[in-house]
Protein backbone atom coordinates (compact mmCIF):
# COMPACT_ATOMS: atom_id res chain seq x y z
CA MET A 1 -33.17 8.41 23.12
CA SER A 2 -33.72 7.96 19.39
CA PRO A 3 -36.75 5.87 18.37
CA PHE A 4 -34.86 4.67 15.30
CA LYS A 5 -33.27 1.24 15.42
CA PRO A 6 -31.01 0.66 12.41
CA SER A 7 -30.91 -2.94 11.25
CA PHE A 8 -27.45 -3.38 9.77
CA ALA A 9 -26.31 -6.07 7.35
CA ASN A 10 -24.66 -9.05 9.00
CA ARG A 11 -21.38 -8.30 7.24
CA THR A 12 -20.98 -5.02 9.15
CA ALA A 13 -20.17 -7.10 12.21
CA HIS A 14 -16.86 -7.79 10.48
CA VAL A 15 -16.09 -4.10 9.80
CA ASN A 16 -13.87 -2.42 12.38
CA PRO A 17 -12.14 0.97 12.43
CA SER A 18 -8.61 1.10 11.07
CA VAL A 19 -6.14 0.70 13.92
CA ILE A 20 -3.74 2.96 12.04
CA ARG A 21 -6.30 5.73 11.55
CA GLU A 22 -7.26 5.58 15.22
CA ILE A 23 -3.62 5.84 16.28
CA LEU A 24 -3.05 8.74 13.90
CA LYS A 25 -5.87 10.65 15.60
CA VAL A 26 -4.10 10.25 18.93
CA VAL A 27 -0.64 11.20 17.72
CA SER A 28 -1.61 14.16 15.55
CA GLN A 29 -0.40 16.69 18.12
CA PRO A 30 2.44 18.88 16.78
CA ASP A 31 4.85 17.83 19.55
CA ILE A 32 4.68 14.15 18.57
CA ILE A 33 7.37 12.75 16.29
CA SER A 34 5.35 10.29 14.24
CA PHE A 35 6.71 7.31 12.35
CA ALA A 36 3.18 5.89 12.35
CA GLY A 37 1.48 6.84 9.09
CA GLY A 38 2.27 5.63 5.61
CA MET A 39 2.22 9.13 4.23
CA PRO A 40 4.51 10.51 1.54
CA ALA A 41 6.51 13.61 2.46
CA GLN A 42 4.41 16.69 1.92
CA ASP A 43 7.53 18.82 1.51
CA LEU A 44 8.24 16.78 -1.64
CA PHE A 45 4.86 17.33 -3.29
CA PRO A 46 5.44 18.92 -6.73
CA PHE A 47 3.49 22.05 -5.82
CA ALA A 48 4.47 24.23 -8.79
CA GLU A 49 3.88 21.49 -11.35
CA LEU A 50 0.51 20.54 -9.85
CA GLU A 51 -0.55 24.20 -9.79
CA ALA A 52 0.39 24.48 -13.46
CA ALA A 53 -1.49 21.24 -14.18
CA ALA A 54 -4.59 22.59 -12.45
CA LYS A 55 -4.45 25.72 -14.56
CA ALA A 56 -3.90 23.65 -17.70
CA ALA A 57 -7.12 21.78 -16.98
CA PHE A 58 -8.87 25.12 -17.61
CA LYS A 59 -6.79 26.14 -20.62
CA SER A 60 -9.90 26.44 -22.79
CA PRO A 61 -13.65 26.54 -22.15
CA ALA A 62 -14.08 23.10 -23.72
CA HIS A 63 -11.29 21.67 -21.59
CA ALA A 64 -12.74 23.23 -18.45
CA LEU A 65 -16.11 21.64 -19.14
CA LYS A 66 -14.47 18.21 -19.19
CA ALA A 67 -12.89 18.95 -15.83
CA LEU A 68 -16.18 20.05 -14.26
CA GLN A 69 -18.69 17.72 -15.93
CA TYR A 70 -19.44 14.04 -15.40
CA GLY A 71 -17.00 11.79 -17.21
CA PRO A 72 -16.70 8.17 -18.36
CA SER A 73 -16.50 5.56 -15.63
CA GLU A 74 -13.39 4.00 -17.19
CA GLY A 75 -11.54 7.28 -16.72
CA TYR A 76 -10.23 10.27 -18.65
CA GLN A 77 -8.97 8.92 -21.97
CA PRO A 78 -5.72 10.94 -22.25
CA LEU A 79 -4.74 9.74 -18.77
CA ARG A 80 -5.55 6.14 -19.65
CA GLU A 81 -3.46 6.45 -22.81
CA ALA A 82 -0.50 7.87 -20.90
CA ILE A 83 -0.71 5.03 -18.39
CA ALA A 84 -0.98 2.48 -21.21
CA ALA A 85 2.20 3.82 -22.82
CA GLN A 86 4.10 3.47 -19.54
CA LEU A 87 2.83 -0.06 -18.94
CA THR A 88 3.61 -1.15 -22.48
CA ALA A 89 7.18 0.10 -22.02
CA GLU A 90 7.41 -2.22 -19.00
CA GLY A 91 6.37 -5.20 -21.11
CA ILE A 92 2.85 -5.49 -19.68
CA ASP A 93 0.31 -6.96 -22.09
CA LEU A 94 -2.61 -4.56 -22.56
CA ALA A 95 -4.67 -6.37 -25.16
CA GLY A 96 -8.20 -4.98 -24.94
CA ASN A 97 -9.65 -2.21 -22.79
CA GLN A 98 -7.88 -2.95 -19.52
CA ILE A 99 -7.23 0.33 -17.67
CA LEU A 100 -9.78 1.48 -15.12
CA ILE A 101 -9.11 4.72 -13.21
CA THR A 102 -10.02 4.36 -9.53
CA THR A 103 -10.46 6.71 -6.61
CA GLY A 104 -7.33 5.57 -4.81
CA SER A 105 -6.09 1.99 -5.02
CA GLN A 106 -8.20 1.17 -1.95
CA GLN A 107 -11.24 1.46 -4.22
CA GLY A 108 -9.65 -1.11 -6.51
CA ILE A 109 -9.20 -3.48 -3.57
CA MET A 110 -12.82 -2.95 -2.51
CA MET A 111 -14.18 -3.54 -6.01
CA VAL A 112 -12.27 -6.80 -6.35
CA ALA A 113 -13.57 -7.89 -2.94
CA HIS A 114 -17.12 -6.98 -3.99
CA ALA A 115 -16.83 -8.80 -7.31
CA PHE A 116 -15.23 -12.01 -6.04
CA LEU A 117 -16.19 -12.68 -2.44
CA ASP A 118 -19.18 -14.41 -0.90
CA PRO A 119 -19.34 -15.10 2.84
CA GLY A 120 -16.93 -17.87 3.76
CA ASP A 121 -14.80 -17.61 0.62
CA THR A 122 -11.05 -17.78 1.11
CA VAL A 123 -8.33 -15.33 0.08
CA VAL A 124 -4.58 -15.97 0.20
CA VAL A 125 -2.63 -13.16 1.86
CA GLY A 126 0.86 -12.63 3.21
CA ASN A 127 1.33 -12.84 6.95
CA PRO A 128 1.58 -9.92 7.75
CA THR A 129 -0.08 -7.83 5.05
CA PHE A 130 -1.75 -4.46 4.36
CA LEU A 131 -4.43 -3.64 6.93
CA GLY A 132 -6.66 -1.90 4.36
CA ALA A 133 -6.90 -5.11 2.34
CA LEU A 134 -7.75 -7.15 5.43
CA GLN A 135 -10.52 -4.67 6.22
CA ALA A 136 -11.89 -4.84 2.67
CA PHE A 137 -11.85 -8.62 2.40
CA GLY A 138 -13.05 -9.11 5.96
CA GLY A 139 -15.94 -6.75 5.29
CA PHE A 140 -17.19 -9.24 2.71
CA GLU A 141 -16.81 -12.06 5.27
CA ALA A 142 -13.81 -13.71 3.64
CA LYS A 143 -11.56 -16.16 5.46
CA PHE A 144 -7.81 -15.81 5.20
CA LEU A 145 -5.22 -18.38 4.16
CA THR A 146 -1.91 -16.94 5.26
CA VAL A 147 1.53 -17.32 3.70
CA PRO A 148 4.51 -16.54 5.97
CA LEU A 149 7.23 -14.18 4.79
CA ASP A 150 10.98 -14.42 4.95
CA ALA A 151 13.69 -12.10 3.64
CA GLY A 152 12.65 -12.97 0.07
CA GLY A 153 8.96 -12.20 0.57
CA MET A 154 6.09 -14.70 0.50
CA LYS A 155 7.33 -18.28 0.84
CA MET A 156 6.43 -20.20 -2.26
CA ASP A 157 6.55 -23.64 -0.65
CA ALA A 158 3.85 -22.52 1.78
CA LEU A 159 1.79 -21.04 -1.05
CA ALA A 160 2.10 -24.28 -3.02
CA ARG A 161 0.79 -26.29 -0.05
CA ILE A 162 -2.19 -23.96 0.33
CA LEU A 163 -3.12 -24.22 -3.35
CA GLU A 164 -2.86 -28.01 -3.22
CA HIS A 165 -5.53 -28.19 -0.52
CA HIS A 166 -7.72 -25.10 -1.04
CA THR A 167 -9.41 -23.21 -3.85
CA PRO A 168 -9.15 -19.54 -2.87
CA LYS A 169 -10.93 -16.84 -4.84
CA PHE A 170 -7.64 -15.01 -5.41
CA ILE A 171 -4.11 -14.43 -4.13
CA TYR A 172 -3.48 -10.95 -2.74
CA ALA A 173 0.18 -9.96 -2.99
CA ILE A 174 2.22 -6.79 -2.46
CA PRO A 175 5.41 -8.04 -4.10
CA THR A 176 7.35 -4.77 -4.12
CA PHE A 177 8.42 -3.03 -0.87
CA GLN A 178 5.53 -4.58 0.97
CA ASN A 179 3.40 -2.76 3.50
CA PRO A 180 4.10 -3.30 6.38
CA THR A 181 7.50 -5.05 6.18
CA GLY A 182 9.27 -3.24 3.33
CA LEU A 183 10.24 -6.66 1.93
CA SER A 184 10.18 -7.49 -1.78
CA LEU A 185 9.41 -10.77 -3.48
CA GLN A 186 12.53 -12.22 -5.07
CA ASP A 187 12.57 -12.30 -8.86
CA ASP A 188 12.40 -16.08 -9.10
CA ARG A 189 9.52 -16.15 -6.63
CA ARG A 190 7.56 -13.70 -8.80
CA VAL A 191 7.76 -16.17 -11.65
CA GLU A 192 6.90 -19.06 -9.32
CA LEU A 193 3.91 -17.23 -7.83
CA TYR A 194 2.49 -16.59 -11.27
CA GLU A 195 3.07 -20.18 -12.38
CA LEU A 196 1.45 -21.57 -9.23
CA ALA A 197 -1.55 -19.30 -9.73
CA ARG A 198 -1.77 -20.27 -13.40
CA THR A 199 -1.49 -23.99 -12.67
CA HIS A 200 -4.28 -23.87 -10.10
CA GLY A 201 -6.42 -21.33 -12.00
CA VAL A 202 -6.41 -18.80 -9.15
CA PRO A 203 -6.40 -15.08 -10.06
CA VAL A 204 -3.78 -12.76 -8.56
CA LEU A 205 -4.47 -9.30 -7.16
CA GLU A 206 -1.10 -7.52 -7.38
CA ASP A 207 -1.07 -4.38 -5.25
CA ASP A 208 1.82 -2.12 -6.29
CA PRO A 209 1.63 1.31 -4.65
CA TYR A 210 5.38 1.60 -3.97
CA GLY A 211 7.04 0.21 -7.11
CA ASP A 212 8.12 3.63 -8.39
CA LEU A 213 10.01 4.27 -5.14
CA TYR A 214 12.92 1.91 -5.77
CA PHE A 215 16.39 2.80 -4.53
CA GLY A 216 18.30 0.41 -6.78
CA PRO A 217 19.02 0.77 -10.50
CA THR A 218 15.70 -0.51 -11.86
CA ARG A 219 12.06 -0.96 -10.96
CA PRO A 220 11.28 -4.54 -9.90
CA ARG A 221 9.36 -6.43 -12.57
CA ALA A 222 5.60 -6.63 -12.04
CA ILE A 223 3.99 -10.04 -11.75
CA LYS A 224 1.49 -8.69 -14.28
CA SER A 225 4.28 -8.59 -16.87
CA PHE A 226 4.28 -12.42 -16.94
CA ASP A 227 0.53 -12.56 -17.53
CA HIS A 228 -0.68 -13.14 -21.09
CA GLU A 229 -3.79 -15.12 -20.12
CA GLY A 230 -5.82 -12.65 -18.08
CA GLY A 231 -5.06 -13.94 -14.60
CA VAL A 232 -3.56 -10.89 -12.84
CA ILE A 233 -5.21 -7.64 -11.74
CA LEU A 234 -2.61 -4.92 -11.15
CA LEU A 235 -3.30 -1.94 -8.87
CA ARG A 236 -1.14 1.20 -8.92
CA THR A 237 -1.58 4.73 -7.59
CA PHE A 238 -0.35 8.29 -7.98
CA SER A 239 -0.87 8.88 -4.25
CA LYS A 240 2.67 7.98 -3.24
CA VAL A 241 4.40 9.87 -6.06
CA LEU A 242 2.27 12.99 -6.67
CA ALA A 243 -0.17 13.64 -3.82
CA PRO A 244 -2.62 11.36 -2.00
CA GLY A 245 -5.28 14.08 -1.86
CA LEU A 246 -5.80 13.73 -5.60
CA ARG A 247 -7.14 10.18 -5.03
CA VAL A 248 -6.13 9.07 -8.52
CA ALA A 249 -5.08 5.47 -9.04
CA TYR A 250 -5.72 2.75 -11.59
CA ALA A 251 -6.37 -0.93 -12.07
CA VAL A 252 -5.12 -3.01 -14.98
CA VAL A 253 -7.97 -5.46 -15.40
CA PRO A 254 -8.34 -8.37 -17.84
CA ASP A 255 -11.40 -7.92 -20.07
CA ALA A 256 -13.39 -10.77 -18.53
CA ILE A 257 -12.98 -9.22 -15.08
CA MET A 258 -13.51 -5.64 -16.28
CA ASN A 259 -17.05 -6.64 -17.23
CA LYS A 260 -17.74 -7.13 -13.52
CA LEU A 261 -15.65 -4.30 -12.04
CA LEU A 262 -16.90 -1.51 -14.27
CA PRO A 263 -20.56 -1.77 -13.13
CA LEU A 264 -19.32 -1.81 -9.52
CA LYS A 265 -17.35 1.36 -10.18
CA GLN A 266 -20.45 2.96 -11.65
CA GLY A 267 -22.50 1.98 -8.62
CA ASN A 268 -19.83 3.22 -6.23
CA ASP A 269 -18.96 6.74 -7.41
CA LEU A 270 -19.83 6.94 -11.14
CA HIS A 271 -16.26 8.04 -11.90
CA THR A 272 -13.13 9.35 -10.24
CA SER A 273 -12.86 13.16 -10.07
CA ALA A 274 -12.51 14.39 -13.65
CA PHE A 275 -10.59 17.45 -12.48
CA ALA A 276 -8.06 15.38 -10.53
CA GLN A 277 -7.62 13.00 -13.47
CA MET A 278 -6.99 15.91 -15.81
CA MET A 279 -4.43 17.37 -13.40
CA VAL A 280 -2.52 14.08 -13.41
CA ALA A 281 -2.77 13.81 -17.20
CA GLU A 282 -1.48 17.36 -17.63
CA PHE A 283 1.39 16.64 -15.25
CA LEU A 284 2.35 13.51 -17.21
CA ALA A 285 2.15 15.42 -20.49
CA THR A 286 4.91 17.77 -19.33
CA GLY A 287 7.37 14.87 -19.30
CA ARG A 288 8.56 15.82 -15.81
CA LEU A 289 7.40 12.70 -13.98
CA GLU A 290 10.69 10.81 -14.26
CA ALA A 291 12.73 13.75 -12.92
CA HIS A 292 10.28 14.09 -10.03
CA LEU A 293 10.51 10.35 -9.31
CA ALA A 294 14.30 10.49 -9.35
CA HIS A 295 14.17 13.28 -6.78
CA LEU A 296 11.75 11.29 -4.60
CA ARG A 297 13.91 8.17 -4.77
CA ALA A 298 17.05 10.03 -3.79
CA GLU A 299 15.38 11.81 -0.89
CA TYR A 300 13.56 8.75 0.44
CA ALA A 301 16.74 6.68 0.16
CA ARG A 302 18.52 9.36 2.19
CA ARG A 303 15.81 9.29 4.88
CA ARG A 304 15.90 5.50 4.96
CA ASP A 305 19.66 5.59 5.43
CA LEU A 306 19.31 8.15 8.23
CA MET A 307 16.77 6.01 10.04
CA LEU A 308 18.80 2.82 9.64
CA ALA A 309 21.94 4.56 10.89
CA ALA A 310 20.03 5.92 13.90
CA MET A 311 18.62 2.47 14.63
CA ASP A 312 22.10 0.95 14.42
CA ALA A 313 23.25 3.55 16.95
CA HIS A 314 20.33 3.56 19.40
CA PHE A 315 18.38 0.30 19.15
CA PRO A 316 19.54 -2.66 21.24
CA ALA A 317 21.34 -5.51 19.53
CA TRP A 318 18.52 -7.88 20.47
CA CYS A 319 16.18 -6.15 17.98
CA GLN A 320 16.01 -7.09 14.32
CA TRP A 321 14.80 -4.94 11.44
CA THR A 322 14.47 -4.96 7.67
CA ARG A 323 16.62 -2.88 5.33
CA PRO A 324 14.22 -2.13 2.48
CA GLU A 325 15.41 -1.33 -1.04
CA GLY A 326 12.51 1.06 -1.61
CA GLY A 327 9.08 2.08 -0.42
CA LEU A 328 8.23 3.77 2.86
CA PHE A 329 8.60 1.28 5.74
CA ILE A 330 11.01 -0.50 8.08
CA TRP A 331 9.77 -3.52 10.06
CA VAL A 332 11.12 -4.18 13.54
CA THR A 333 10.98 -7.51 15.37
CA LEU A 334 11.49 -7.59 19.14
CA PRO A 335 12.18 -10.71 21.20
CA ASN A 336 9.16 -12.80 22.16
CA GLY A 337 7.55 -11.32 25.24
CA VAL A 338 8.51 -7.72 24.42
CA LEU A 339 5.16 -6.34 23.29
CA ALA A 340 4.78 -3.39 20.92
CA ALA A 341 1.36 -2.14 22.15
CA PRO A 342 2.49 -1.16 25.68
CA LEU A 343 5.68 0.20 24.11
CA LEU A 344 3.55 2.54 22.01
CA GLU A 345 1.74 3.86 25.08
CA GLU A 346 5.05 4.49 26.81
CA ALA A 347 6.64 6.01 23.72
CA VAL A 348 3.79 8.46 23.15
CA SER A 349 3.24 9.47 26.79
CA ARG A 350 6.87 9.69 27.90
CA GLN A 351 8.92 10.32 24.77
CA LYS A 352 6.41 11.88 22.34
CA VAL A 353 7.21 9.44 19.54
CA ALA A 354 4.81 7.12 17.72
CA PHE A 355 4.79 4.01 15.52
CA ILE A 356 2.30 1.31 14.48
CA PRO A 357 2.23 -1.99 16.42
CA GLY A 358 2.65 -4.85 13.99
CA SER A 359 -0.20 -7.01 15.29
CA ALA A 360 -2.67 -4.92 13.25
CA PHE A 361 -1.32 -6.51 10.07
CA TYR A 362 -1.90 -10.16 11.05
CA PRO A 363 -5.34 -11.52 10.08
CA HIS A 364 -5.35 -14.31 12.68
CA GLY A 365 -3.48 -12.54 15.46
CA GLY A 366 0.20 -12.64 16.20
CA GLY A 367 3.00 -10.17 15.66
CA GLU A 368 2.62 -8.64 19.11
CA ASN A 369 6.39 -8.25 19.24
CA THR A 370 6.63 -6.37 15.92
CA LEU A 371 6.23 -2.75 14.84
CA ARG A 372 6.23 -0.66 11.67
CA LEU A 373 8.22 2.53 11.19
CA ASN A 374 7.66 5.02 8.38
CA PHE A 375 10.74 6.96 7.25
CA SER A 376 9.28 9.09 4.44
CA ASN A 377 7.28 11.69 6.34
CA ALA A 378 9.82 12.94 8.89
CA SER A 379 12.65 15.46 8.76
CA GLU A 380 16.28 14.58 9.36
CA GLU A 381 16.09 16.05 12.88
CA GLN A 382 12.87 14.17 13.65
CA ILE A 383 14.34 10.87 12.44
CA GLN A 384 17.48 11.21 14.52
CA GLU A 385 15.76 12.45 17.68
CA GLY A 386 12.72 10.17 17.36
CA ILE A 387 14.76 7.00 16.89
CA LYS A 388 16.97 7.97 19.83
CA ARG A 389 13.88 8.35 22.04
CA LEU A 390 12.31 5.15 20.75
CA GLY A 391 15.52 3.22 21.33
CA ALA A 392 15.47 4.33 24.98
CA VAL A 393 11.87 3.11 25.37
CA ILE A 394 12.71 -0.27 23.83
CA ARG A 395 15.76 -0.75 26.04
CA ALA A 396 13.77 0.12 29.14
CA ALA A 397 11.11 -2.46 28.23
CA ALA A 398 13.52 -5.37 28.64
CA PRO A 399 16.32 -4.40 31.04
CA GLN A 400 17.11 -8.07 31.61
CA LEU A 401 18.18 -8.35 27.97
CA GLU A 402 20.50 -5.37 28.36
CA ARG A 403 22.48 -7.32 30.93
CA VAL A 404 22.96 -10.37 28.71
């Protein structure tokens, strides 16, 4: 028995393992058809272009030294400039030095939590919302004010009531193809959310990892594009469109907030991998990003359509599910009393198919009759066979409903 007795900070009592990561450990066997993770399709990684970008990072001795040496905490300047050009084309105001490269967008979430939250502070979140954000905010002992969702995303009347009676530190929103539901905030609600936040003086943390994966004609407009007064922090990532292993993302941060986030970045990891940043910058410099994105959108739209068609064929009529216009996820709602957690056990043990129970995404509990499906990281055969198997498990869970 060890004589050492670690004395942990009180806040670690609020830090729990990711339910999703724990499930992914269990379902990692090759015979499992997994709709559980939120992973992009590895068969769609731009291997040749990334290999060329890696080589380009070493195109000269001076360039190679930049890739291998410490770099500025704000990020590699050519990458920041390329990002700035893209954001400016979207109509996003970049007055000042606002782009901070982060090691994945999760680091951006953590830095905002670190900068803003004291124990007992409140944060507004959707109900349900991204588990990684709940872990980050909960780790700093925040309390959650939850806004229900409908088909148009977060309900603005509920948000207005919260802001009338509370003073949260910030509003956390995933307005575009939300994780876990796949829902998007309607255009008029994006304007209303910004105006409510502005009226009450509450900053907005806009998490946008999926915005490039739209299946319609145009990318939905960022809430940040309405912001000319420094009230919105925008997080985006290259994980979902290039490769998550690069861990390159960025935050668009108003100057007054950057003064707090940059020292936290320095204390966390000094800077994001210079080599990975240079690879992304070299990829962007080729001008091939838009063609790659178009290919991703077409393929993910096809996989979404395959999954929806399979669900229409094999899921019982007493289930409901979203039909997302982009992103990676479909959200399923079962009747009250039909619980997703025991369904997962049955699905994995009997049918070798996995998903994520929806209750993990609710900060105050609930959602036991919901589940999240990922359509991006499965083949056509896996989608068709896996949904067929899952439909059989769901039907068997409530035979009384089959007879209605």
